[in-house]
């Protein structure tokens, strides 16, 4: 099942192919004061609502998905944890980098069709990082790796937009580099875990201006989902509706600049499309890190 929020009122819906099925009747049974509380409450008590959602999926009223605005399915996740340098980047790399992560501001989250706003900060470049996001389904504290998937409610497309080169002494800093407003695109749907046979064998693709840049598989994840969830929850408890982004393969990273259209999709999760704006109209060579490394190597 693909769960969405849509429209000006952040209505609960089910994405089914090219249609959105209204699930407001289920939302009405969940006490909430915000769209995020609605989704966290639904996730925490999903077994109670699953039957009603399945009935709606079979016979509920539908509208074309392209006729409504799909919002971020988790507009303000209480915790947004992002794994750092968590992929094997080269064919000869055997061991992953030491496990590491950072908290990204939940205020950075935007949804499908929204706009990434590049700030006036003197960055050396702004980059996209397409990632698999894990949606937590129940309280997870000091869990064991072998039990990790019991705590995963579903999966979501996530882009960790990054601002480079403006930390102390010109070095990257996680807070100033990651937590700007609009730097956390997510969506268009939460795909429930029962629909993902193997989360460690998913194609992740991202294109800019129609040109494919990132094209990798979650097979090359360094610290796998069980290990990373054991490590994160050893440090801090996670709650229903929290998100853990699994990191990215850096070789396909490239610049974002004014006027760009970014498209990202994992398997059949649905396409996440963003616009980019920059009042300063800055530009960078349109090449990925891998292309730049190859060019520099050829010039030596």
Protein backbone atom coordinates (compact mmCIF):
# COMPACT_ATOMS: atom_id res chain seq x y z
CA UNK A 1 0.00 0.00 0.00
CA UNK A 2 1.20 3.50 -0.84
CA UNK A 3 0.05 6.10 1.68
CA UNK A 4 -0.04 9.78 0.77
CA UNK A 5 -1.11 13.18 2.01
CA UNK A 6 -2.65 15.43 -0.62
CA UNK A 7 -4.32 18.76 -1.24
CA UNK A 8 -4.34 21.99 0.73
CA UNK A 9 -5.72 20.20 3.79
CA UNK A 10 -3.16 17.36 3.72
CA UNK A 11 -5.89 14.76 3.28
CA UNK A 12 -5.01 11.11 3.86
CA UNK A 13 -5.05 9.03 0.70
CA UNK A 14 -3.91 5.83 -0.96
CA UNK A 15 -1.88 6.06 -4.16
CA UNK A 16 -2.90 3.30 -6.58
CA UNK A 17 -1.31 3.56 -10.00
CA UNK A 18 -2.35 6.89 -11.49
CA UNK A 19 -5.14 7.46 -8.97
CA UNK A 20 -5.47 8.73 -5.41
CA UNK A 21 -8.16 7.15 -3.22
CA UNK A 22 -9.57 9.35 -0.48
CA UNK A 23 -9.05 7.90 3.02
CA UNK A 24 -10.40 10.80 5.06
CA UNK A 25 -12.80 8.45 6.86
CA UNK A 26 -9.81 6.64 8.36
CA UNK A 27 -8.12 9.92 9.27
CA UNK A 28 -11.26 10.99 11.13
CA UNK A 29 -10.79 8.07 13.53
CA UNK A 30 -7.26 9.13 14.46
CA UNK A 31 -6.86 11.91 17.00
CA UNK A 32 -4.48 14.51 15.61
CA UNK A 33 -3.72 18.22 15.47
CA UNK A 34 -1.38 18.20 12.46
CA UNK A 35 -0.72 16.14 9.33
CA UNK A 36 2.39 14.67 10.95
CA UNK A 37 0.42 13.62 14.04
CA UNK A 38 -2.10 11.98 11.72
CA UNK A 39 0.54 9.94 9.93
CA UNK A 40 2.45 9.04 13.10
CA UNK A 41 -0.82 7.93 14.72
CA UNK A 42 -1.80 5.87 11.70
CA UNK A 43 1.61 4.19 11.60
CA UNK A 44 1.62 3.45 15.34
CA UNK A 45 -1.81 1.78 15.18
CA UNK A 46 -1.79 0.55 11.60
CA UNK A 47 -3.16 -2.92 12.30
CA UNK A 48 -6.38 -1.36 13.58
CA UNK A 49 -6.83 0.71 10.41
CA UNK A 50 -5.49 -1.70 7.79
CA UNK A 51 -8.86 -3.34 7.08
CA UNK A 52 -10.62 -0.04 6.45
CA UNK A 53 -7.78 1.12 4.20
CA UNK A 54 -7.88 -2.11 2.22
CA UNK A 55 -11.64 -1.75 1.72
CA UNK A 56 -11.14 1.81 0.46
CA UNK A 57 -8.36 0.66 -1.85
CA UNK A 58 -10.79 -1.84 -3.39
CA UNK A 59 -13.86 0.36 -3.73
CA UNK A 60 -13.19 3.94 -2.57
CA UNK A 61 -13.66 7.06 -4.66
CA UNK A 62 -10.72 7.97 -6.88
CA UNK A 63 -9.29 11.06 -8.50
CA UNK A 64 -6.41 11.27 -11.00
CA UNK A 65 -3.14 11.66 -9.13
CA UNK A 66 -2.06 14.44 -11.47
CA UNK A 67 -5.15 16.45 -10.51
CA UNK A 68 -4.12 16.83 -6.86
CA UNK A 69 -1.07 18.16 -5.05
CA UNK A 70 0.80 15.33 -3.34
CA UNK A 71 2.44 16.55 -0.15
CA UNK A 72 5.35 15.11 1.79
CA UNK A 73 3.86 11.97 3.40
CA UNK A 74 5.69 12.80 6.66
CA UNK A 75 5.72 16.61 6.69
CA UNK A 76 7.58 17.02 10.00
CA UNK A 77 9.03 13.70 11.15
CA UNK A 78 9.96 13.99 14.84
CA UNK A 79 13.39 12.60 14.05
CA UNK A 80 15.16 12.65 10.69
CA UNK A 81 18.41 10.71 10.99
CA UNK A 82 20.72 10.53 7.97
CA UNK A 83 23.51 8.00 7.59
CA UNK A 84 26.81 9.47 6.42
CA UNK A 85 29.20 7.91 3.87
CA UNK A 86 27.32 4.61 3.95
CA UNK A 87 28.00 3.12 0.50
CA UNK A 88 30.85 1.20 -1.06
CA UNK A 89 31.89 3.75 -3.67
CA UNK A 90 34.38 1.83 -5.81
CA UNK A 91 34.71 -1.72 -7.10
CA UNK A 92 37.84 -2.32 -5.04
CA UNK A 93 36.32 -1.04 -1.80
CA UNK A 94 35.68 -3.93 0.57
CA UNK A 95 35.16 -2.29 3.96
CA UNK A 96 32.71 0.57 4.53
CA UNK A 97 33.69 3.80 6.24
CA UNK A 98 33.14 3.83 10.01
CA UNK A 99 29.44 4.03 10.79
CA UNK A 100 28.27 7.63 11.24
CA UNK A 101 25.10 9.71 11.07
CA UNK A 102 23.64 13.15 11.72
CA UNK A 103 20.29 14.72 12.57
CA UNK A 104 18.78 16.76 9.74
CA UNK A 105 16.15 19.37 10.56
CA UNK A 106 12.62 18.06 10.04
CA UNK A 107 11.81 21.64 8.98
CA UNK A 108 13.76 20.93 5.78
CA UNK A 109 11.10 18.51 4.49
CA UNK A 110 9.17 19.37 1.33
CA UNK A 111 7.08 17.24 -1.03
CA UNK A 112 6.53 16.35 -4.65
CA UNK A 113 6.30 19.38 -6.94
CA UNK A 114 7.82 21.71 -4.36
CA UNK A 115 10.87 23.92 -4.83
CA UNK A 116 14.38 23.55 -3.43
CA UNK A 117 15.52 27.07 -2.55
CA UNK A 118 19.30 27.53 -2.65
CA UNK A 119 20.31 30.03 0.06
CA UNK A 120 22.65 32.97 -0.44
CA UNK A 121 25.29 31.26 1.71
CA UNK A 122 28.70 31.24 -0.04
CA UNK A 123 28.70 27.53 -0.87
CA UNK A 124 31.26 25.95 -3.13
CA UNK A 125 28.41 23.89 -4.62
CA UNK A 126 24.94 22.53 -3.82
CA UNK A 127 24.43 18.82 -4.44
CA UNK A 128 21.64 16.21 -4.47
CA UNK A 129 21.84 12.90 -2.58
CA UNK A 130 19.15 10.37 -3.53
CA UNK A 131 18.49 7.98 -0.64
CA UNK A 132 16.28 5.18 0.60
CA UNK A 133 14.36 6.37 3.65
CA UNK A 134 13.18 3.97 6.37
CA UNK A 135 9.92 4.86 8.12
CA UNK A 136 9.85 3.63 11.72
CA UNK A 137 6.71 1.76 12.76
CA UNK A 138 7.03 1.39 16.52
CA UNK A 139 9.23 2.56 19.35
CA UNK A 140 12.75 1.28 18.79
CA UNK A 141 15.32 1.51 21.56
CA UNK A 142 18.53 -0.54 21.69
CA UNK A 143 17.13 -3.09 19.25
CA UNK A 144 19.06 -6.08 17.92
CA UNK A 145 20.06 -6.25 14.27
CA UNK A 146 18.17 -9.51 13.77
CA UNK A 147 14.94 -7.79 14.85
CA UNK A 148 15.44 -4.58 12.87
CA UNK A 149 12.88 -5.18 10.12
CA UNK A 150 10.16 -5.65 12.75
CA UNK A 151 10.50 -1.91 13.39
CA UNK A 152 10.33 -0.76 9.75
CA UNK A 153 6.84 0.33 8.75
CA UNK A 154 7.74 1.28 5.21
CA UNK A 155 10.04 3.06 2.81
CA UNK A 156 10.15 6.41 1.05
CA UNK A 157 12.12 8.34 -1.56
CA UNK A 158 14.32 10.95 0.11
CA UNK A 159 16.80 13.54 -1.20
CA UNK A 160 19.41 14.91 1.19
CA UNK A 161 20.18 18.26 -0.44
CA UNK A 162 23.62 19.45 0.65
CA UNK A 163 25.42 22.81 0.84
CA UNK A 164 29.18 22.33 0.56
CA UNK A 165 32.19 24.27 1.78
CA UNK A 166 30.74 26.78 4.24
CA UNK A 167 31.50 25.15 7.58
CA UNK A 168 34.29 26.26 9.93
CA UNK A 169 37.49 27.00 8.00
CA UNK A 170 35.70 26.16 4.77
CA UNK A 171 35.08 22.55 5.77
CA UNK A 172 31.70 20.86 5.42
CA UNK A 173 29.52 20.99 8.53
CA UNK A 174 26.49 18.76 8.95
CA UNK A 175 24.21 21.46 10.42
CA UNK A 176 24.89 24.33 8.04
CA UNK A 177 25.39 21.91 5.17
CA UNK A 178 22.19 19.90 5.55
CA UNK A 179 19.39 21.63 7.47
CA UNK A 180 18.35 24.59 5.32
CA UNK A 181 14.62 24.91 4.70
CA UNK A 182 13.57 22.88 1.60
CA UNK A 183 16.69 20.66 1.78
CA UNK A 184 14.75 17.46 2.62
CA UNK A 185 12.48 16.46 -0.32
CA UNK A 186 10.44 13.34 0.48
CA UNK A 187 7.66 11.37 -1.21
CA UNK A 188 5.38 11.11 -2.95
CA UNK A 189 4.26 8.11 -0.84
CA UNK A 190 5.18 5.84 2.03
CA UNK A 191 5.41 2.34 0.59
CA UNK A 192 4.47 -0.16 3.30
CA UNK A 193 7.09 -2.79 4.08
CA UNK A 194 4.95 -5.70 2.84
CA UNK A 195 5.27 -4.34 -0.71
CA UNK A 196 9.09 -4.32 -0.70
CA UNK A 197 10.46 -7.84 -1.06
CA UNK A 198 14.13 -6.93 -0.61
CA UNK A 199 15.05 -3.40 0.50
CA UNK A 200 18.70 -4.27 -0.06
CA UNK A 201 18.16 -4.84 -3.78
CA UNK A 202 16.45 -1.66 -4.96
CA UNK A 203 17.44 0.59 -7.88
CA UNK A 204 17.86 4.25 -6.93
CA UNK A 205 17.83 6.81 -9.75
CA UNK A 206 18.00 10.58 -9.89
CA UNK A 207 18.10 12.84 -12.93
CA UNK A 208 18.61 16.58 -13.37
CA UNK A 209 17.20 18.29 -16.46
CA UNK A 210 16.40 14.84 -17.83
CA UNK A 211 20.01 13.64 -17.56
CA UNK A 212 20.54 10.59 -15.35
CA UNK A 213 23.12 11.22 -12.65
CA UNK A 214 22.61 8.79 -9.80
CA UNK A 215 21.91 5.18 -10.76
CA UNK A 216 22.89 2.70 -8.08
CA UNK A 217 21.52 -0.21 -6.08
CA UNK A 218 20.96 -0.46 -2.36
CA UNK A 219 23.01 -3.69 -2.65
CA UNK A 220 26.12 -1.52 -2.29
CA UNK A 221 25.03 -0.13 1.08
CA UNK A 222 28.00 -0.33 3.45
CA UNK A 223 26.30 -0.74 6.81
CA UNK A 224 23.09 -2.64 6.01
CA UNK A 225 19.68 -1.79 7.40
CA UNK A 226 19.81 -4.18 10.39
CA UNK A 227 23.23 -2.93 11.45
CA UNK A 228 22.47 0.76 11.04
CA UNK A 229 19.18 0.54 12.96
CA UNK A 230 20.87 -1.35 15.79
CA UNK A 231 23.53 1.38 15.96
CA UNK A 232 21.13 4.35 15.73
CA UNK A 233 18.76 2.96 18.38
CA UNK A 234 21.70 2.16 20.66
CA UNK A 235 22.23 5.95 20.77
CA UNK A 236 18.67 7.28 20.63
CA UNK A 237 15.17 5.84 20.67
CA UNK A 238 13.11 6.14 17.49
CA UNK A 239 9.33 6.56 17.42
CA UNK A 240 6.56 5.84 14.87
CA UNK A 241 6.84 8.30 12.01
CA UNK A 242 10.58 8.91 12.43
CA UNK A 243 12.72 8.54 9.32
CA UNK A 244 16.21 7.10 8.89
CA UNK A 245 17.82 7.87 5.53
CA UNK A 246 20.31 5.18 4.51
CA UNK A 247 22.91 7.35 2.78
CA UNK A 248 23.85 7.66 -0.87
CA UNK A 249 26.37 6.60 -3.49
CA UNK A 250 28.47 9.74 -3.94
CA UNK A 251 29.93 9.09 -7.39
CA UNK A 252 26.75 10.30 -9.11
CA UNK A 253 26.45 13.53 -7.13
CA UNK A 254 26.38 16.74 -9.13
CA UNK A 255 25.44 20.40 -8.79
CA UNK A 256 21.98 21.90 -8.42
CA UNK A 257 21.33 25.35 -9.81
CA UNK A 258 18.58 27.78 -10.70
CA UNK A 259 15.91 26.43 -13.04
CA UNK A 260 16.77 22.77 -12.60
CA UNK A 261 14.11 20.07 -12.50
CA UNK A 262 15.09 17.08 -10.36
CA UNK A 263 13.41 13.67 -10.62
CA UNK A 264 14.07 10.77 -8.25
CA UNK A 265 12.57 7.30 -7.97
CA UNK A 266 13.35 4.07 -6.14
CA UNK A 267 11.93 0.97 -7.86
CA UNK A 268 8.14 1.46 -8.12
CA UNK A 269 7.84 3.89 -5.22
CA UNK A 270 6.53 6.67 -7.45
CA UNK A 271 8.45 9.62 -8.88
CA UNK A 272 9.51 12.55 -6.69
CA UNK A 273 9.86 15.73 -8.78
CA UNK A 274 11.34 19.02 -7.54
CA UNK A 275 12.16 22.44 -8.96
CA UNK A 276 15.26 24.44 -7.98
CA UNK A 277 15.54 28.19 -7.58
CA UNK A 278 18.50 30.44 -6.75
CA UNK A 279 18.12 34.22 -6.59
CA UNK A 280 21.86 34.59 -7.18
CA UNK A 281 21.71 32.53 -10.42
CA UNK A 282 24.97 30.73 -9.62
CA UNK A 283 26.20 27.93 -11.86
CA UNK A 284 28.70 25.09 -11.80
CA UNK A 285 30.00 22.62 -14.40
CA UNK A 286 27.26 20.09 -15.09
CA UNK A 287 29.25 17.01 -14.23
CA UNK A 288 29.07 14.34 -11.57
CA UNK A 289 31.81 13.63 -9.07
CA UNK A 290 32.79 10.55 -11.07
CA UNK A 291 33.01 12.60 -14.27
CA UNK A 292 35.09 15.28 -12.55
CA UNK A 293 37.46 12.70 -11.10
CA UNK A 294 37.88 11.09 -14.54
CA UNK A 295 38.52 14.49 -16.16
CA UNK A 296 41.08 15.45 -13.53
CA UNK A 297 42.80 12.06 -13.80
CA UNK A 298 43.03 12.43 -17.59
CA UNK A 299 44.60 15.86 -17.16
CA UNK A 300 47.38 14.65 -14.93
